[in-house]
Amino acid sequence: MLLRELVLILLLLLPVAAVVFTFWRERKQRAAISLMPFDELRRRPAGESVRLKWEEARERINDWLLFLVITPFVFAVALTFQSRVAYFDIAFAFLSTAVMAAFIQGSFGPC
């Protein structure tokens, strides 16, 4: 019973891991290519408007990420409490999570 729950949770968290990995990779790539061209500080640092947009997007995405992380657990618990789980139920839960992850990735990809 415990192994089945663990497998369901891990299966449903695959799309979540893909979204998190994509965000992490894009952030690491941006950090690798961004260098400050001047040593002295100006009144408004370079990229300030991008930083402000990033903060705004981060505030909007917090609710979506919470929803994205909780949904697979809800599906896994619902499937665990069923006496007999059909492959259709598992496929539906996985595809629902994958579609939601793709939607969130498309909505909040690069700023």
C-alpha atoms as a PDB file:
ATOM      1  CA  MET A   1       0.000   0.000   0.000  1.00  0.00           C
ATOM      2  CA  LEU A   2       2.772   2.445   0.897  1.00  0.00           C
ATOM      3  CA  LEU A   3       4.749   1.594  -2.240  1.00  0.00           C
ATOM      4  CA  ARG A   4       1.691   2.293  -4.399  1.00  0.00           C
ATOM      5  CA  GLU A   5       1.240   5.715  -2.777  1.00  0.00           C
ATOM      6  CA  LEU A   6       4.895   6.555  -3.266  1.00  0.00           C
ATOM      7  CA  VAL A   7       4.815   5.518  -6.935  1.00  0.00           C
ATOM      8  CA  LEU A   8       1.674   7.578  -7.558  1.00  0.00           C
ATOM      9  CA  ILE A   9       3.133  10.669  -5.915  1.00  0.00           C
ATOM     10  CA  LEU A  10       6.404  10.350  -7.830  1.00  0.00           C
ATOM     11  CA  LEU A  11       4.561   9.805 -11.112  1.00  0.00           C
ATOM     12  CA  LEU A  12       2.378  12.840 -10.598  1.00  0.00           C
ATOM     13  CA  LEU A  13       5.297  15.031  -9.540  1.00  0.00           C
ATOM     14  CA  LEU A  14       7.193  14.470 -12.813  1.00  0.00           C
ATOM     15  CA  PRO A  15       5.557  17.453 -14.587  1.00  0.00           C
ATOM     16  CA  VAL A  16       6.190  19.614 -11.524  1.00  0.00           C
ATOM     17  CA  ALA A  17       9.849  18.636 -11.553  1.00  0.00           C
ATOM     18  CA  ALA A  18      10.051  19.473 -15.261  1.00  0.00           C
ATOM     19  CA  VAL A  19       8.678  22.993 -14.651  1.00  0.00           C
ATOM     20  CA  VAL A  20      10.994  23.602 -11.706  1.00  0.00           C
ATOM     21  CA  PHE A  21      13.983  22.306 -13.675  1.00  0.00           C
ATOM     22  CA  THR A  22      13.132  24.569 -16.623  1.00  0.00           C
ATOM     23  CA  PHE A  23      12.864  27.638 -14.404  1.00  0.00           C
ATOM     24  CA  TRP A  24      16.131  26.742 -12.670  1.00  0.00           C
ATOM     25  CA  ARG A  25      17.966  26.200 -15.966  1.00  0.00           C
ATOM     26  CA  GLU A  26      16.740  29.499 -17.456  1.00  0.00           C
ATOM     27  CA  ARG A  27      17.715  31.369 -14.304  1.00  0.00           C
ATOM     28  CA  LYS A  28      21.176  29.804 -14.312  1.00  0.00           C
ATOM     29  CA  GLN A  29      21.670  30.664 -17.994  1.00  0.00           C
ATOM     30  CA  ARG A  30      20.642  34.294 -17.426  1.00  0.00           C
ATOM     31  CA  ALA A  31      22.962  34.571 -14.438  1.00  0.00           C
ATOM     32  CA  ALA A  32      25.869  33.153 -16.450  1.00  0.00           C
ATOM     33  CA  ILE A  33      25.605  35.741 -19.225  1.00  0.00           C
ATOM     34  CA  SER A  34      24.779  38.786 -17.120  1.00  0.00           C
ATOM     35  CA  LEU A  35      27.800  40.819 -16.129  1.00  0.00           C
ATOM     36  CA  MET A  36      27.824  44.350 -14.784  1.00  0.00           C
ATOM     37  CA  PRO A  37      29.539  46.522 -17.456  1.00  0.00           C
ATOM     38  CA  PHE A  38      30.558  49.312 -15.068  1.00  0.00           C
ATOM     39  CA  ASP A  39      32.341  49.227 -11.733  1.00  0.00           C
ATOM     40  CA  GLU A  40      30.797  52.407 -10.368  1.00  0.00           C
ATOM     41  CA  LEU A  41      27.183  52.549  -9.333  1.00  0.00           C
ATOM     42  CA  ARG A  42      24.801  54.665 -11.363  1.00  0.00           C
ATOM     43  CA  ARG A  43      21.602  56.224 -10.109  1.00  0.00           C
ATOM     44  CA  ARG A  44      19.552  53.391 -11.511  1.00  0.00           C
ATOM     45  CA  PRO A  45      21.384  50.088 -11.972  1.00  0.00           C
ATOM     46  CA  ALA A  46      21.287  48.303 -15.291  1.00  0.00           C
ATOM     47  CA  GLY A  47      18.366  45.922 -15.563  1.00  0.00           C
ATOM     48  CA  GLU A  48      16.264  47.629 -12.893  1.00  0.00           C
ATOM     49  CA  SER A  49      13.101  47.468 -15.002  1.00  0.00           C
ATOM     50  CA  VAL A  50      13.687  43.756 -15.632  1.00  0.00           C
ATOM     51  CA  ARG A  51      14.161  43.200 -11.904  1.00  0.00           C
ATOM     52  CA  LEU A  52      10.872  44.972 -11.193  1.00  0.00           C
ATOM     53  CA  LYS A  53       9.083  42.850 -13.808  1.00  0.00           C
ATOM     54  CA  TRP A  54      10.655  39.734 -12.311  1.00  0.00           C
ATOM     55  CA  GLU A  55       9.414  40.603  -8.836  1.00  0.00           C
ATOM     56  CA  GLU A  56       5.912  41.222 -10.175  1.00  0.00           C
ATOM     57  CA  ALA A  57       5.909  37.879 -11.999  1.00  0.00           C
ATOM     58  CA  ARG A  58       7.237  36.130  -8.898  1.00  0.00           C
ATOM     59  CA  GLU A  59       4.357  37.494  -6.833  1.00  0.00           C
ATOM     60  CA  ARG A  60       1.846  36.262  -9.409  1.00  0.00           C
ATOM     61  CA  ILE A  61       3.423  32.849  -9.767  1.00  0.00           C
ATOM     62  CA  ASN A  62       3.466  31.962  -6.057  1.00  0.00           C
ATOM     63  CA  ASP A  63      -0.214  30.983  -6.076  1.00  0.00           C
ATOM     64  CA  TRP A  64       0.202  28.929  -9.228  1.00  0.00           C
ATOM     65  CA  LEU A  65       3.226  27.086  -7.890  1.00  0.00           C
ATOM     66  CA  LEU A  66       1.376  26.243  -4.709  1.00  0.00           C
ATOM     67  CA  PHE A  67      -1.502  24.868  -6.809  1.00  0.00           C
ATOM     68  CA  LEU A  68       0.971  22.981  -9.022  1.00  0.00           C
ATOM     69  CA  VAL A  69       2.631  21.292  -6.053  1.00  0.00           C
ATOM     70  CA  ILE A  70      -0.550  20.430  -4.119  1.00  0.00           C
ATOM     71  CA  THR A  71      -2.533  19.015  -7.065  1.00  0.00           C
ATOM     72  CA  PRO A  72      -0.410  15.846  -7.565  1.00  0.00           C
ATOM     73  CA  PHE A  73      -0.698  15.048  -3.861  1.00  0.00           C
ATOM     74  CA  VAL A  74      -4.474  15.413  -4.004  1.00  0.00           C
ATOM     75  CA  PHE A  75      -4.646  13.110  -7.032  1.00  0.00           C
ATOM     76  CA  ALA A  76      -2.364  10.567  -5.333  1.00  0.00           C
ATOM     77  CA  VAL A  77      -4.435  10.544  -2.150  1.00  0.00           C
ATOM     78  CA  ALA A  78      -7.659  10.225  -4.142  1.00  0.00           C
ATOM     79  CA  LEU A  79      -6.237   7.310  -6.128  1.00  0.00           C
ATOM     80  CA  THR A  80      -4.884   5.666  -2.978  1.00  0.00           C
ATOM     81  CA  PHE A  81      -8.259   5.583  -1.271  1.00  0.00           C
ATOM     82  CA  GLN A  82      -9.919   3.854  -4.221  1.00  0.00           C
ATOM     83  CA  SER A  83     -10.285   0.130  -3.759  1.00  0.00           C
ATOM     84  CA  ARG A  84      -9.368  -0.580  -7.363  1.00  0.00           C
ATOM     85  CA  VAL A  85      -7.448   1.883  -9.511  1.00  0.00           C
ATOM     86  CA  ALA A  86      -7.863   1.715 -13.258  1.00  0.00           C
ATOM     87  CA  TYR A  87      -5.105   2.722 -15.638  1.00  0.00           C
ATOM     88  CA  PHE A  88      -7.449   5.393 -16.972  1.00  0.00           C
ATOM     89  CA  ASP A  89      -7.551   7.094 -13.567  1.00  0.00           C
ATOM     90  CA  ILE A  90      -3.766   7.190 -13.315  1.00  0.00           C
ATOM     91  CA  ALA A  91      -3.441   8.415 -16.900  1.00  0.00           C
ATOM     92  CA  PHE A  92      -6.057  11.107 -16.300  1.00  0.00           C
ATOM     93  CA  ALA A  93      -4.302  12.343 -13.162  1.00  0.00           C
ATOM     94  CA  PHE A  94      -0.912  12.355 -14.887  1.00  0.00           C
ATOM     95  CA  LEU A  95      -2.188  14.126 -18.004  1.00  0.00           C
ATOM     96  CA  SER A  96      -4.098  16.682 -15.932  1.00  0.00           C
ATOM     97  CA  THR A  97      -0.965  17.501 -13.975  1.00  0.00           C
ATOM     98  CA  ALA A  98       1.126  17.636 -17.156  1.00  0.00           C
ATOM     99  CA  VAL A  99      -1.329  19.963 -18.907  1.00  0.00           C
ATOM    100  CA  MET A 100      -1.450  22.224 -15.855  1.00  0.00           C
ATOM    101  CA  ALA A 101       2.362  22.292 -15.684  1.00  0.00           C
ATOM    102  CA  ALA A 102       2.595  23.128 -19.396  1.00  0.00           C
ATOM    103  CA  PHE A 103       0.032  25.915 -18.995  1.00  0.00           C
ATOM    104  CA  ILE A 104       1.925  27.404 -16.075  1.00  0.00           C
ATOM    105  CA  GLN A 105       5.242  27.098 -17.899  1.00  0.00           C
ATOM    106  CA  GLY A 106       3.773  28.871 -20.930  1.00  0.00           C
ATOM    107  CA  SER A 107       2.189  31.611 -18.854  1.00  0.00           C
ATOM    108  CA  PHE A 108       5.165  32.379 -16.655  1.00  0.00           C
ATOM    109  CA  GLY A 109       8.127  31.399 -18.774  1.00  0.00           C
ATOM    110  CA  PRO A 110      10.670  34.086 -19.605  1.00  0.00           C
ATOM    111  CA  CYS A 111       9.764  37.554 -18.387  1.00  0.00           C
END
